[in-house]
Amino acid sequence: MDYYVLTLFPDMIKHGLMTSIIGRAIEEDLLHLEAVNIRDYTNSRHGKTDDYPYGGGAGMVMQAQPVYDAYRSVADRLPYKPRVVYLTPQGRVFDQTCARELALEKGIVFLCGHYEGIDERVIQEIVTDEISIGDFVLTGGELPAMCLIDAISRMIPGVLHNEDSAEGDSFGDGLLEFPQYSRPEVWNGIPVPKILLSGDHAKVDAWRREQSLIRTAERRPDLLEKAAVSPKEREFIRKYLAKSDSI
């Protein structure tokens, strides 16, 4: 997977992603990351990439020309037309389904906005996807871009070194993940659930599945509508919730 991030702050991208699992995957050439400085493509002698908005109003708007030329510096080198993701609160809300979809691409260009946004003309010219990480506003698109890159990269074979890990994560099957425990067996007077010490893998798997169902029903019931849940499991959830309401 090739990632190209069009940004005014390339060091932020590189420092944020060149550590831990993603950094290791980049070093092992499983991923390629290139932070493209939009300022390098401005025609302004002073490195200016923004100007006042037509129609008036507060703030500044990133100009189309440097953004477009930064994009062309990437696109002209590629043998394919890349997906171009603009990080914006106005876009589709990112989720695990979207991460899986984007992980199938050969390469992705991320466009990070700043100030009051980017000239709409260049967005219409180059952007294929507008994506949001939630209903809130940040100072720029760099943090959302890093969130997407981290989530997408987990889907790339070899990145996690354990392919089962990604499938067991929250949202792997549409449900929240079951609770996890490690040593010691008793901590602060609280023991590990006995079922996890039984050595019976079938019973452990069944317990974990039930815990995922319970956590999802309690914390994110909205996920159950699309989750891969059997009729028997839906009945289990109904009875559990009815019992909880009666307590």
Protein backbone atom coordinates (compact mmCIF):
# COMPACT_ATOMS: atom_id res chain seq x y z
CA MET A 1 0.00 0.00 0.00
CA ASP A 2 1.28 3.43 -0.96
CA TYR A 3 0.16 6.44 1.08
CA TYR A 4 0.64 10.01 -0.13
CA VAL A 5 -0.39 12.78 2.25
CA LEU A 6 -0.82 16.29 0.85
CA THR A 7 -0.23 18.54 3.83
CA LEU A 8 1.14 21.86 5.08
CA PHE A 9 2.83 20.00 7.94
CA PRO A 10 4.72 16.96 6.60
CA ASP A 11 6.78 16.52 9.77
CA MET A 12 3.59 15.98 11.74
CA ILE A 13 2.67 13.07 9.47
CA LYS A 14 6.12 11.49 9.52
CA HIS A 15 6.62 11.83 13.27
CA GLY A 16 3.14 10.51 13.96
CA LEU A 17 3.39 7.38 11.82
CA MET A 18 7.04 6.31 11.95
CA THR A 19 6.64 4.53 15.30
CA SER A 20 5.16 1.32 16.64
CA ILE A 21 3.48 -1.16 14.28
CA ILE A 22 2.97 1.24 11.37
CA GLY A 23 6.55 2.49 11.54
CA ARG A 24 7.84 -1.08 11.52
CA ALA A 25 5.67 -1.92 8.51
CA ILE A 26 7.08 1.09 6.66
CA GLU A 27 10.64 0.00 7.49
CA GLU A 28 9.83 -3.51 6.22
CA ASP A 29 8.48 -2.05 2.94
CA LEU A 30 4.99 -3.40 3.57
CA LEU A 31 3.80 0.20 3.44
CA HIS A 32 5.11 3.27 1.66
CA LEU A 33 4.49 6.71 3.15
CA GLU A 34 5.22 10.02 1.48
CA ALA A 35 4.26 13.36 3.03
CA VAL A 36 4.00 15.95 0.24
CA ASN A 37 4.46 19.55 1.37
CA ILE A 38 1.83 21.68 -0.39
CA ARG A 39 3.96 24.79 0.23
CA ASP A 40 6.57 23.40 -2.16
CA TYR A 41 4.10 23.89 -5.02
CA THR A 42 2.91 27.44 -4.44
CA ASN A 43 3.72 30.20 -6.92
CA SER A 44 4.06 32.66 -4.06
CA ARG A 45 7.59 33.83 -3.29
CA HIS A 46 6.69 33.79 0.39
CA GLY A 47 5.32 30.26 0.45
CA LYS A 48 1.75 31.45 0.81
CA THR A 49 -0.94 28.82 0.18
CA ASP A 50 -4.06 30.65 1.37
CA ASP A 51 -6.04 33.82 0.62
CA TYR A 52 -9.20 35.64 1.66
CA PRO A 53 -12.51 33.98 0.74
CA TYR A 54 -14.63 35.43 -2.03
CA GLY A 55 -17.84 36.80 -0.57
CA GLY A 56 -16.17 37.81 2.65
CA GLY A 57 -16.20 36.10 6.01
CA ALA A 58 -13.74 35.14 8.72
CA GLY A 59 -10.58 33.15 8.14
CA MET A 60 -8.62 32.15 5.07
CA VAL A 61 -9.08 29.53 2.36
CA MET A 62 -6.40 27.23 0.92
CA GLN A 63 -5.86 28.06 -2.74
CA ALA A 64 -6.54 25.60 -5.54
CA GLN A 65 -3.26 25.96 -7.45
CA PRO A 66 -0.73 24.66 -4.88
CA VAL A 67 -3.07 21.83 -3.87
CA TYR A 68 -3.59 20.77 -7.46
CA ASP A 69 0.10 20.92 -8.33
CA ALA A 70 0.99 18.91 -5.22
CA TYR A 71 -1.53 16.30 -6.30
CA ARG A 72 -0.15 16.21 -9.85
CA SER A 73 3.36 15.68 -8.46
CA VAL A 74 2.07 12.36 -7.14
CA ALA A 75 -0.50 11.36 -9.76
CA ASP A 76 1.86 11.91 -12.69
CA ARG A 77 4.26 9.33 -11.23
CA LEU A 78 1.70 6.59 -10.73
CA PRO A 79 0.65 3.98 -13.34
CA TYR A 80 -2.91 4.10 -11.96
CA LYS A 81 -5.43 6.74 -10.90
CA PRO A 82 -5.36 6.85 -7.09
CA ARG A 83 -8.26 7.34 -4.72
CA VAL A 84 -8.03 10.85 -3.26
CA VAL A 85 -9.48 11.19 0.23
CA TYR A 86 -10.28 14.66 1.54
CA LEU A 87 -10.57 14.72 5.33
CA THR A 88 -13.60 16.84 6.19
CA PRO A 89 -16.45 16.85 8.75
CA GLN A 90 -18.80 16.96 5.78
CA GLY A 91 -17.77 13.52 4.53
CA ARG A 92 -18.86 9.94 5.06
CA VAL A 93 -18.15 8.83 8.61
CA PHE A 94 -15.21 6.44 8.65
CA ASP A 95 -15.79 2.92 9.98
CA GLN A 96 -14.32 -0.58 9.72
CA THR A 97 -16.21 -1.31 6.51
CA CYS A 98 -14.63 1.76 4.93
CA ALA A 99 -11.19 0.67 6.21
CA ARG A 100 -11.57 -2.72 4.52
CA GLU A 101 -12.70 -1.08 1.29
CA LEU A 102 -9.76 1.32 1.16
CA ALA A 103 -7.30 -1.45 2.06
CA LEU A 104 -7.99 -2.99 -1.37
CA GLU A 105 -6.51 0.03 -3.15
CA LYS A 106 -2.99 0.11 -4.59
CA GLY A 107 -2.44 3.58 -3.23
CA ILE A 108 -4.33 6.43 -1.58
CA VAL A 109 -3.76 10.18 -1.62
CA PHE A 110 -4.93 12.00 1.52
CA LEU A 111 -5.69 15.71 1.28
CA CYS A 112 -5.37 17.62 4.56
CA GLY A 113 -7.14 20.95 4.75
CA HIS A 114 -6.54 23.89 7.08
CA TYR A 115 -8.00 27.30 7.90
CA GLU A 116 -11.61 27.62 6.69
CA GLY A 117 -11.14 24.87 4.12
CA ILE A 118 -9.96 24.40 0.54
CA ASP A 119 -11.10 26.10 -2.65
CA GLU A 120 -14.09 24.03 -3.80
CA ARG A 121 -12.87 23.92 -7.41
CA VAL A 122 -9.83 21.77 -6.67
CA ILE A 123 -11.90 19.49 -4.44
CA GLN A 124 -14.26 18.86 -7.35
CA GLU A 125 -11.30 18.36 -9.69
CA ILE A 126 -9.26 15.76 -7.78
CA VAL A 127 -11.16 14.34 -4.77
CA THR A 128 -12.85 10.95 -5.07
CA ASP A 129 -13.89 10.51 -1.41
CA GLU A 130 -14.76 12.88 1.41
CA ILE A 131 -14.35 11.20 4.80
CA SER A 132 -14.94 12.32 8.39
CA ILE A 133 -13.75 10.72 11.63
CA GLY A 134 -16.67 12.19 13.60
CA ASP A 135 -18.93 15.12 14.21
CA PHE A 136 -16.37 17.56 15.54
CA VAL A 137 -13.91 20.06 14.10
CA LEU A 138 -10.10 19.88 14.22
CA THR A 139 -7.48 22.43 13.19
CA GLY A 140 -6.45 20.36 10.19
CA GLY A 141 -6.73 17.05 8.38
CA GLU A 142 -3.44 15.54 9.55
CA LEU A 143 -4.77 13.72 12.62
CA PRO A 144 -7.73 12.23 10.70
CA ALA A 145 -5.37 11.14 7.92
CA MET A 146 -3.18 9.36 10.45
CA CYS A 147 -6.23 7.67 11.98
CA LEU A 148 -7.28 6.34 8.59
CA ILE A 149 -3.78 5.19 7.69
CA ASP A 150 -3.46 3.31 10.98
CA ALA A 151 -6.85 1.59 10.59
CA ILE A 152 -6.35 0.74 6.91
CA SER A 153 -2.83 -0.57 7.45
CA ARG A 154 -4.08 -3.17 9.93
CA MET A 155 -5.92 -4.78 7.00
CA ILE A 156 -2.73 -5.13 4.93
CA PRO A 157 -1.27 -8.67 5.09
CA GLY A 158 1.89 -8.86 7.19
CA VAL A 159 1.48 -5.55 9.00
CA LEU A 160 0.23 -7.09 12.26
CA HIS A 161 2.36 -10.24 11.98
CA ASN A 162 -0.73 -12.05 13.33
CA GLU A 163 -3.59 -12.01 10.84
CA ASP A 164 -6.08 -13.25 13.47
CA SER A 165 -5.53 -10.10 15.50
CA ALA A 166 -7.35 -7.81 13.07
CA GLU A 167 -10.34 -10.15 12.85
CA GLY A 168 -10.69 -10.25 16.64
CA ASP A 169 -10.71 -6.48 17.07
CA SER A 170 -13.79 -4.47 17.87
CA PHE A 171 -15.91 -4.12 14.70
CA GLY A 172 -14.10 -7.10 13.12
CA ASP A 173 -17.48 -8.84 12.83
CA GLY A 174 -19.59 -5.79 13.55
CA LEU A 175 -19.45 -6.24 17.32
CA LEU A 176 -17.38 -4.72 20.10
CA GLU A 177 -14.48 -6.80 21.35
CA PHE A 178 -14.80 -9.04 24.41
CA PRO A 179 -12.89 -8.10 27.62
CA GLN A 180 -9.24 -9.14 27.77
CA TYR A 181 -7.14 -10.30 30.75
CA SER A 182 -3.46 -11.01 31.42
CA ARG A 183 -1.22 -11.94 34.37
CA PRO A 184 -1.41 -11.97 37.35
CA GLU A 185 -4.37 -14.29 37.86
CA VAL A 186 -5.60 -12.08 40.71
CA TRP A 187 -4.98 -8.32 40.66
CA ASN A 188 -6.14 -5.91 43.33
CA GLY A 189 -8.40 -8.66 44.67
CA ILE A 190 -10.07 -9.18 41.30
CA PRO A 191 -9.65 -12.64 39.71
CA VAL A 192 -9.59 -13.52 36.03
CA PRO A 193 -12.89 -15.19 34.96
CA LYS A 194 -12.55 -18.91 35.64
CA ILE A 195 -13.63 -19.90 32.14
CA LEU A 196 -10.42 -18.37 30.73
CA LEU A 197 -8.34 -20.71 32.92
CA SER A 198 -10.24 -23.85 31.92
CA GLY A 199 -8.19 -24.73 28.85
CA ASP A 200 -11.44 -25.55 27.03
CA HIS A 201 -11.09 -23.48 23.86
CA ALA A 202 -14.66 -24.10 22.70
CA LYS A 203 -16.07 -22.81 25.99
CA VAL A 204 -13.68 -19.85 25.96
CA ASP A 205 -14.74 -18.93 22.43
CA ALA A 206 -18.42 -19.21 23.41
CA TRP A 207 -17.87 -17.00 26.49
CA ARG A 208 -16.02 -14.39 24.46
CA ARG A 209 -18.78 -14.33 21.86
CA GLU A 210 -21.40 -13.80 24.57
CA GLN A 211 -19.34 -11.00 26.09
CA SER A 212 -19.06 -9.30 22.69
CA LEU A 213 -22.82 -9.53 22.27
CA ILE A 214 -23.45 -8.16 25.75
CA ARG A 215 -20.99 -5.27 25.41
CA THR A 216 -22.38 -4.29 22.05
CA ALA A 217 -25.97 -4.41 23.28
CA GLU A 218 -25.11 -2.29 26.33
CA ARG A 219 -22.70 0.22 24.78
CA ARG A 220 -23.41 0.37 21.04
CA PRO A 221 -26.82 -1.18 20.32
CA ASP A 222 -26.86 0.68 16.99
CA LEU A 223 -24.22 -1.76 15.71
CA LEU A 224 -26.45 -4.79 16.15
CA GLU A 225 -28.62 -3.90 13.16
CA LYS A 226 -25.78 -4.65 10.70
CA ALA A 227 -23.71 -7.09 12.77
CA ALA A 228 -23.35 -10.76 11.81
CA VAL A 229 -25.63 -12.05 14.58
CA SER A 230 -27.68 -15.25 14.38
CA PRO A 231 -31.38 -15.46 15.39
CA LYS A 232 -30.33 -17.49 18.44
CA GLU A 233 -27.87 -14.78 19.45
CA ARG A 234 -30.48 -12.06 18.99
CA GLU A 235 -32.77 -14.00 21.31
CA PHE A 236 -29.90 -14.24 23.84
CA ILE A 237 -29.47 -10.46 23.65
CA ARG A 238 -33.22 -9.86 24.08
CA LYS A 239 -33.36 -12.07 27.20
CA TYR A 240 -30.19 -10.51 28.64
CA LEU A 241 -31.50 -6.98 28.22
CA ALA A 242 -34.91 -7.91 29.62
CA LYS A 243 -33.23 -9.43 32.68
CA SER A 244 -31.01 -6.34 33.12
CA ASP A 245 -34.03 -4.01 32.94
CA SER A 246 -35.79 -5.98 35.66
CA ILE A 247 -32.89 -5.65 38.10
